[in-house]
Each structure stands twice: as C-alpha cells, then as structure tokens.
Amino acid sequence: MINGKTVVYGIIGNPVAHSFSPAMHNAAMRELGINCVYVPFCPPPEKLGEAVAGIRALGIAGVNVTVPYKEAVIPHLDELTGEAKLYGAVNTIINRRGVLTGHNTDGPGLIKALREDYQFDPGKGPAVIFGAGGAARAIAVALARSGCPELAVVNRRFEKALKLAEMVAAATGTQARAFHWDAGDRQLEEFTRRSALLVNCTPVGMAGGAVEEFPLPGDLPGKGQLAYDTVYNPPRTPFMVRGARNGAVVANGLSMLLYQGVLALEEWTGLAAPVEVMRRELYKQTGISE
C-alpha cells in the first residue's frame, strides 16, 4: 500500500510504455516486503536534464535508464562508477542523499544471462555485435573482459563502430574490428561465420520499431551459434526467427533484462533479489511459457 513512507524507484526512457521493468521490479519489491514502488517516466529529450534534476528534488531513490538516454544522461549526474565510465553509458542511477551516481548493469547482466541461462562461455569464440549505442558499448566491453577472444562491431555509421572497436581494444586488449552495415561485405560474412555469438543491440525488430534486414547471408545466424537479441518485445524477434530457421540457439533480451534488473535492485536496496519471482513476472508479461 502506497503511503507517506513509500520509497519511489522508476525507469526513464522514450518510449517507455512497452517496458516490462515496472512489473518485474514491483513484483520483487512485494516479495521482499519493502515499502517501495517502481514507476515509468517518459521525459522528452529536451527535458532530460530537468527530469534528472527531479530525481534529486523529489527524493526518488533510483531509476533505470533506457533508450535513448543511456549516454545522454551522463552530463546530468554527479558521479559515475568505474564500469559506467568505461562503458560510456548508464542504465542505473542511485540517489544517495542527493548525490546521483550512474552505474551500468547491462554488460554484467548479459554475461550472467549467458552463463546462467544458456551455459555459454564468452571465451568460446569471437562475437559480432550489431549496433554501437549505449547497450552495445556495455556489452562489447563486458564480453571482452569475460574472455571473448575477438569482437566485431557492425553499425550503419561506420565511424561510431570504429570508435567503439578502438575503445574496446584499448581498454581490454581484446582484438576488435569495425564493419559498416553492408550485406555485401565478404569480410563481415567471414568473421560472422566463425563467430560463436551474435548479439543484436539495435532497435531492429522491436515492437512498433524499425523493420530491416540484418547485413548477413540468409543462412546466418546458423548452427553452432547463439543468436542473442537484446530486444524482448516481441518475444520472438525477426533476428531470432532467422536464427532458429538455420539451427542456431536463439534468445531474446528477457534474460538480460532480468539480470540487469537483479543487479540494479541489489545496488539500490542492499538486499538479495528474488530472481525467480522476477523471472516469472517477466514471462507473465510476455504471455509465453518459460
């Protein structure tokens, strides 16, 4: 029951109505028996700074940050954790007595999802990452730091892909390459064929979003590969459909959403998150069975 002592958490994004995070976190908070509530906020881009200032002014204890604000939010914060500085993106903000600290649980969340739910070791082989935004940055660094031997970043703006690849190489020592989003690139095809993991970090395939073909031959992703789509709504994305058709193991972003949420909740509250309660709520929101 919401009352004068209720602690408020939330999520900032635009759009944000599709997010399953409110249902997941509210289920967790009920299970933990804490007087908290988690709500969505959808500020327009020109009001982002005012929205972040509102976190401090209203005493909101913490928020998640989703697209398109994971990088844009940084100048409005007081400090960043080492992870957030390295990733250059923030997906979690903690408010401690008016000091707003940016964290990033996206990369660690994906690594935990790969290991816990898919028994996949990032050191198994090279990885291809589609996109070069905030989530891609976190995932690229996390994979490199978790033993991935070689990375490729594929993006429509080649300069952005190159910048991310160079940052990963400099920060981790892992070999990283950049490719333009070009279906005719033979070198990209060759790299993808020998990769163990393909990760979509773009909005392509998101409900209500862009519909576009990936720059891959029709038989990729394929057998022996894990095709991981950070999009989770719809629960079966075009990237997953093509991968399953070719015999790849496929996954949507629900597991990453789960574990990044688990890590964020534990950072906010200091309590062990009820992982299975959060997982069940996510699947309930999708309307699919576990």
Protein backbone atom coordinates (compact mmCIF):
# COMPACT_ATOMS: atom_id res chain seq x y z
CA MET A 1 0.00 0.00 0.00
CA ILE A 2 1.43 3.35 -1.03
CA ASN A 3 1.72 5.85 1.81
CA GLY A 4 3.87 8.73 3.01
CA LYS A 5 6.82 6.42 3.65
CA THR A 6 6.82 4.71 0.26
CA VAL A 7 10.22 4.83 -1.47
CA VAL A 8 9.98 5.57 -5.19
CA TYR A 9 12.08 3.98 -7.94
CA GLY A 10 11.49 4.06 -11.67
CA ILE A 11 12.67 3.94 -15.24
CA ILE A 12 13.41 6.81 -17.65
CA GLY A 13 13.15 6.31 -21.40
CA ASN A 14 11.37 7.42 -24.53
CA PRO A 15 9.37 5.42 -25.41
CA VAL A 16 8.91 3.51 -22.19
CA ALA A 17 5.32 2.24 -22.22
CA HIS A 18 6.48 -1.11 -23.63
CA SER A 19 8.87 -1.79 -20.74
CA PHE A 20 8.36 -4.83 -18.52
CA SER A 21 10.64 -3.40 -15.82
CA PRO A 22 7.84 -1.86 -13.69
CA ALA A 23 6.02 -5.19 -13.40
CA MET A 24 9.25 -7.07 -12.67
CA HIS A 25 10.53 -4.69 -10.01
CA ASN A 26 7.17 -4.21 -8.31
CA ALA A 27 6.79 -8.00 -8.05
CA ALA A 28 10.26 -8.20 -6.50
CA MET A 29 9.53 -5.42 -4.01
CA ARG A 30 6.31 -7.11 -2.94
CA GLU A 31 8.17 -10.38 -2.46
CA LEU A 32 10.83 -8.64 -0.35
CA GLY A 33 8.13 -6.96 1.74
CA ILE A 34 9.61 -3.48 1.33
CA ASN A 35 7.56 -0.31 1.08
CA CYS A 36 8.65 0.70 -2.41
CA VAL A 37 7.10 1.35 -5.80
CA TYR A 38 8.63 1.42 -9.29
CA VAL A 39 7.07 3.64 -11.97
CA PRO A 40 7.83 4.64 -15.61
CA PHE A 41 8.84 8.17 -16.64
CA CYS A 42 8.90 9.35 -20.26
CA PRO A 43 10.51 12.79 -20.49
CA PRO A 44 11.05 14.33 -23.95
CA PRO A 45 14.71 14.75 -24.95
CA GLU A 46 14.73 18.49 -24.32
CA LYS A 47 13.52 17.88 -20.74
CA LEU A 48 16.02 15.16 -19.80
CA GLY A 49 18.15 17.44 -17.62
CA GLU A 50 15.08 18.66 -15.76
CA ALA A 51 13.90 15.07 -15.32
CA VAL A 52 17.22 14.03 -13.77
CA ALA A 53 17.16 17.08 -11.50
CA GLY A 54 13.69 15.95 -10.47
CA ILE A 55 15.13 12.67 -9.18
CA ARG A 56 17.20 14.66 -6.71
CA ALA A 57 14.49 17.21 -5.90
CA LEU A 58 11.74 14.66 -5.30
CA GLY A 59 13.91 12.19 -3.41
CA ILE A 60 13.41 9.38 -5.92
CA ALA A 61 15.77 6.68 -4.66
CA GLY A 62 16.88 5.34 -8.01
CA VAL A 63 15.95 4.81 -11.63
CA ASN A 64 16.86 2.65 -14.55
CA VAL A 65 17.74 4.41 -17.80
CA THR A 66 16.79 3.00 -21.18
CA VAL A 67 16.95 4.15 -24.82
CA PRO A 68 17.66 6.78 -25.95
CA TYR A 69 19.13 8.25 -22.76
CA LYS A 70 21.91 5.87 -21.63
CA GLU A 71 24.63 8.18 -22.90
CA ALA A 72 22.73 11.48 -22.84
CA VAL A 73 22.05 11.23 -19.12
CA ILE A 74 25.74 11.27 -18.12
CA PRO A 75 26.34 15.06 -18.09
CA HIS A 76 23.43 15.47 -15.66
CA LEU A 77 24.87 13.13 -12.99
CA ASP A 78 27.21 13.89 -10.10
CA GLU A 79 29.49 10.88 -10.49
CA LEU A 80 29.96 7.59 -12.32
CA THR A 81 31.16 4.16 -11.23
CA GLY A 82 34.24 2.74 -12.92
CA GLU A 83 32.05 0.45 -15.01
CA ALA A 84 29.88 3.31 -16.24
CA LYS A 85 32.96 5.39 -17.11
CA LEU A 86 34.44 2.51 -19.08
CA TYR A 87 31.20 1.74 -20.90
CA GLY A 88 30.39 5.39 -21.54
CA ALA A 89 26.76 4.63 -20.74
CA VAL A 90 24.48 4.48 -17.72
CA ASN A 91 21.47 2.23 -17.18
CA THR A 92 21.05 2.67 -13.42
CA ILE A 93 21.09 5.78 -11.25
CA ILE A 94 21.36 5.69 -7.47
CA ASN A 95 20.34 8.68 -5.35
CA ARG A 96 22.23 8.78 -2.05
CA ARG A 97 21.33 11.88 -0.05
CA GLY A 98 21.01 13.95 -3.20
CA VAL A 99 24.15 12.64 -4.93
CA LEU A 100 23.27 10.94 -8.21
CA THR A 101 25.65 8.16 -9.22
CA GLY A 102 25.49 6.47 -12.61
CA HIS A 103 26.00 2.72 -12.78
CA ASN A 104 25.81 0.21 -15.61
CA THR A 105 24.45 -3.29 -15.09
CA ASP A 106 23.75 -4.04 -18.77
CA GLY A 107 27.06 -5.71 -19.57
CA PRO A 108 27.28 -7.76 -16.36
CA GLY A 109 23.59 -8.61 -16.81
CA LEU A 110 24.19 -10.11 -20.24
CA ILE A 111 27.23 -12.09 -19.06
CA LYS A 112 25.19 -13.50 -16.18
CA ALA A 113 22.35 -14.37 -18.58
CA LEU A 114 24.70 -16.13 -20.99
CA ARG A 115 26.29 -18.19 -18.24
CA GLU A 116 23.26 -18.89 -16.03
CA ASP A 117 20.52 -19.43 -18.60
CA TYR A 118 22.37 -20.62 -21.72
CA GLN A 119 25.53 -22.20 -20.27
CA PHE A 120 27.50 -20.10 -22.73
CA ASP A 121 31.09 -19.14 -22.00
CA PRO A 122 32.07 -15.80 -23.62
CA GLY A 123 35.51 -17.29 -24.21
CA LYS A 124 34.06 -19.87 -26.58
CA GLY A 125 34.83 -17.82 -29.68
CA PRO A 126 34.51 -14.49 -31.48
CA ALA A 127 31.38 -12.35 -31.17
CA VAL A 128 29.59 -10.00 -33.55
CA ILE A 129 27.71 -7.03 -32.12
CA PHE A 130 25.13 -5.19 -34.21
CA GLY A 131 24.86 -1.57 -33.09
CA ALA A 132 27.22 0.86 -31.37
CA GLY A 133 24.99 2.66 -28.87
CA GLY A 134 24.97 2.54 -25.08
CA ALA A 135 23.92 -1.10 -24.73
CA ALA A 136 26.40 -2.21 -27.39
CA ARG A 137 29.23 -0.39 -25.62
CA ALA A 138 28.47 -2.09 -22.32
CA ILE A 139 28.08 -5.49 -23.92
CA ALA A 140 31.24 -5.21 -26.01
CA VAL A 141 33.39 -4.32 -23.02
CA ALA A 142 31.75 -6.94 -20.80
CA LEU A 143 32.31 -9.68 -23.38
CA ALA A 144 35.95 -8.66 -23.85
CA ARG A 145 36.56 -8.58 -20.10
CA SER A 146 34.91 -12.01 -19.76
CA GLY A 147 37.28 -13.74 -22.14
CA CYS A 148 35.82 -13.20 -25.62
CA PRO A 149 38.90 -13.54 -27.86
CA GLU A 150 37.78 -11.27 -30.71
CA LEU A 151 34.94 -8.85 -31.43
CA ALA A 152 33.34 -7.22 -34.44
CA VAL A 153 31.10 -4.15 -34.20
CA VAL A 154 28.64 -3.58 -37.06
CA ASN A 155 26.86 -0.25 -37.40
CA ARG A 156 25.23 1.97 -40.03
CA ARG A 157 27.56 4.81 -39.02
CA PHE A 158 30.95 3.20 -39.55
CA GLU A 159 32.76 5.93 -37.60
CA LYS A 160 30.78 5.06 -34.49
CA ALA A 161 31.53 1.36 -34.89
CA LEU A 162 35.23 2.14 -35.34
CA LYS A 163 35.29 4.33 -32.26
CA LEU A 164 33.71 1.57 -30.16
CA ALA A 165 36.07 -1.09 -31.53
CA GLU A 166 39.09 1.09 -30.77
CA MET A 167 37.83 1.79 -27.25
CA VAL A 168 37.32 -1.92 -26.54
CA ALA A 169 40.80 -2.78 -27.81
CA ALA A 170 42.43 0.00 -25.78
CA ALA A 171 40.52 -0.79 -22.58
CA THR A 172 40.75 -4.58 -22.63
CA GLY A 173 43.47 -5.66 -25.04
CA THR A 174 40.94 -7.74 -26.98
CA GLN A 175 41.15 -7.57 -30.76
CA ALA A 176 38.14 -5.66 -32.09
CA ARG A 177 37.12 -4.78 -35.64
CA ALA A 178 34.55 -2.43 -37.13
CA PHE A 179 32.27 -3.08 -40.09
CA HIS A 180 29.70 -0.99 -41.91
CA TRP A 181 26.11 -2.29 -42.02
CA ASP A 182 26.58 -3.75 -45.51
CA ALA A 183 25.11 -7.07 -46.62
CA GLY A 184 27.71 -7.37 -49.37
CA ASP A 185 30.76 -7.23 -47.12
CA ARG A 186 32.61 -10.53 -47.58
CA GLN A 187 34.92 -9.87 -44.65
CA LEU A 188 31.94 -9.36 -42.35
CA GLU A 189 30.43 -12.60 -43.64
CA GLU A 190 33.67 -14.49 -43.00
CA PHE A 191 34.02 -13.09 -39.48
CA THR A 192 30.39 -13.90 -38.68
CA ARG A 193 30.67 -17.49 -39.89
CA ARG A 194 33.47 -18.24 -37.44
CA SER A 195 31.79 -16.46 -34.53
CA ALA A 196 30.18 -18.22 -31.58
CA LEU A 197 27.89 -15.37 -30.54
CA LEU A 198 25.86 -12.78 -32.46
CA VAL A 199 24.21 -10.00 -30.43
CA ASN A 200 21.66 -7.54 -31.77
CA CYS A 201 21.89 -4.26 -29.84
CA THR A 202 19.78 -2.23 -32.28
CA PRO A 203 16.02 -1.50 -32.21
CA VAL A 204 15.54 -3.52 -35.42
CA GLY A 205 12.64 -5.88 -34.80
CA MET A 206 11.31 -4.06 -31.73
CA ALA A 207 7.54 -3.85 -31.48
CA GLY A 208 6.47 -0.66 -33.24
CA GLY A 209 10.04 -0.03 -34.39
CA ALA A 210 12.18 -0.49 -37.46
CA VAL A 211 11.81 -3.47 -39.76
CA GLU A 212 15.07 -4.05 -41.56
CA GLU A 213 17.17 -6.95 -42.77
CA PHE A 214 20.44 -7.68 -41.00
CA PRO A 215 23.57 -7.44 -43.19
CA LEU A 216 24.00 -11.22 -43.27
CA PRO A 217 23.55 -14.03 -45.78
CA GLY A 218 20.29 -15.92 -45.40
CA ASP A 219 21.91 -18.88 -43.62
CA LEU A 220 23.23 -16.77 -40.73
CA PRO A 221 22.97 -16.92 -37.74
CA GLY A 222 23.38 -20.68 -38.07
CA LYS A 223 24.03 -23.99 -36.39
CA GLY A 224 26.55 -23.88 -33.55
CA GLN A 225 25.95 -20.18 -32.90
CA LEU A 226 23.99 -18.34 -30.22
CA ALA A 227 21.87 -15.52 -31.66
CA TYR A 228 21.05 -13.16 -28.80
CA ASP A 229 18.65 -10.27 -29.40
CA THR A 230 18.59 -7.59 -26.70
CA VAL A 231 15.08 -6.73 -27.94
CA TYR A 232 12.45 -8.59 -25.90
CA ASN A 233 9.18 -7.17 -27.19
CA PRO A 234 8.05 -9.01 -29.29
CA PRO A 235 9.34 -12.13 -27.51
CA ARG A 236 10.28 -13.77 -30.82
CA THR A 237 12.08 -11.22 -32.96
CA PRO A 238 12.96 -11.38 -36.68
CA PHE A 239 16.60 -11.94 -35.69
CA MET A 240 15.57 -14.94 -33.61
CA VAL A 241 13.27 -16.31 -36.32
CA ARG A 242 16.02 -16.36 -38.93
CA GLY A 243 18.46 -17.90 -36.45
CA ALA A 244 16.06 -20.65 -35.39
CA ARG A 245 15.30 -21.40 -39.04
CA ASN A 246 19.02 -22.01 -39.58
CA GLY A 247 19.53 -24.17 -36.48
CA ALA A 248 21.09 -21.57 -34.18
CA VAL A 249 20.31 -21.34 -30.48
CA VAL A 250 18.23 -18.17 -30.10
CA ALA A 251 17.38 -15.92 -27.17
CA ASN A 252 15.63 -12.62 -26.63
CA GLY A 253 16.61 -9.90 -24.18
CA LEU A 254 14.40 -11.07 -21.32
CA SER A 255 17.28 -12.82 -19.58
CA MET A 256 19.50 -9.75 -19.87
CA LEU A 257 16.61 -7.58 -18.65
CA LEU A 258 16.17 -9.96 -15.74
CA TYR A 259 19.78 -9.99 -14.59
CA GLN A 260 20.49 -6.30 -15.15
CA GLY A 261 17.37 -5.69 -13.06
CA VAL A 262 18.56 -8.10 -10.40
CA LEU A 263 21.89 -6.27 -10.15
CA ALA A 264 20.20 -2.84 -10.10
CA LEU A 265 17.74 -3.87 -7.38
CA GLU A 266 20.55 -5.21 -5.23
CA GLU A 267 22.54 -1.99 -5.70
CA TRP A 268 19.51 0.10 -4.70
CA THR A 269 18.35 -1.87 -1.68
CA GLY A 270 21.31 -3.92 -0.46
CA LEU A 271 19.00 -6.97 -0.45
CA ALA A 272 19.30 -10.23 -2.38
CA ALA A 273 16.91 -10.03 -5.32
CA PRO A 274 14.20 -12.73 -5.66
CA VAL A 275 15.42 -13.86 -9.07
CA GLU A 276 12.78 -16.48 -9.79
CA VAL A 277 9.93 -14.17 -8.79
CA MET A 278 11.30 -11.57 -11.21
CA ARG A 279 11.71 -14.18 -13.94
CA ARG A 280 8.14 -15.44 -13.56
CA GLU A 281 6.78 -11.91 -13.78
CA LEU A 282 8.72 -11.23 -16.98
CA TYR A 283 7.33 -14.35 -18.63
CA LYS A 284 3.87 -13.46 -17.41
CA GLN A 285 4.21 -10.08 -19.12
CA THR A 286 5.18 -11.68 -22.42
CA GLY A 287 2.37 -14.19 -22.32
CA ILE A 288 4.74 -17.05 -23.15
CA SER A 289 5.69 -20.09 -21.11
CA GLU A 290 9.13 -20.46 -19.56
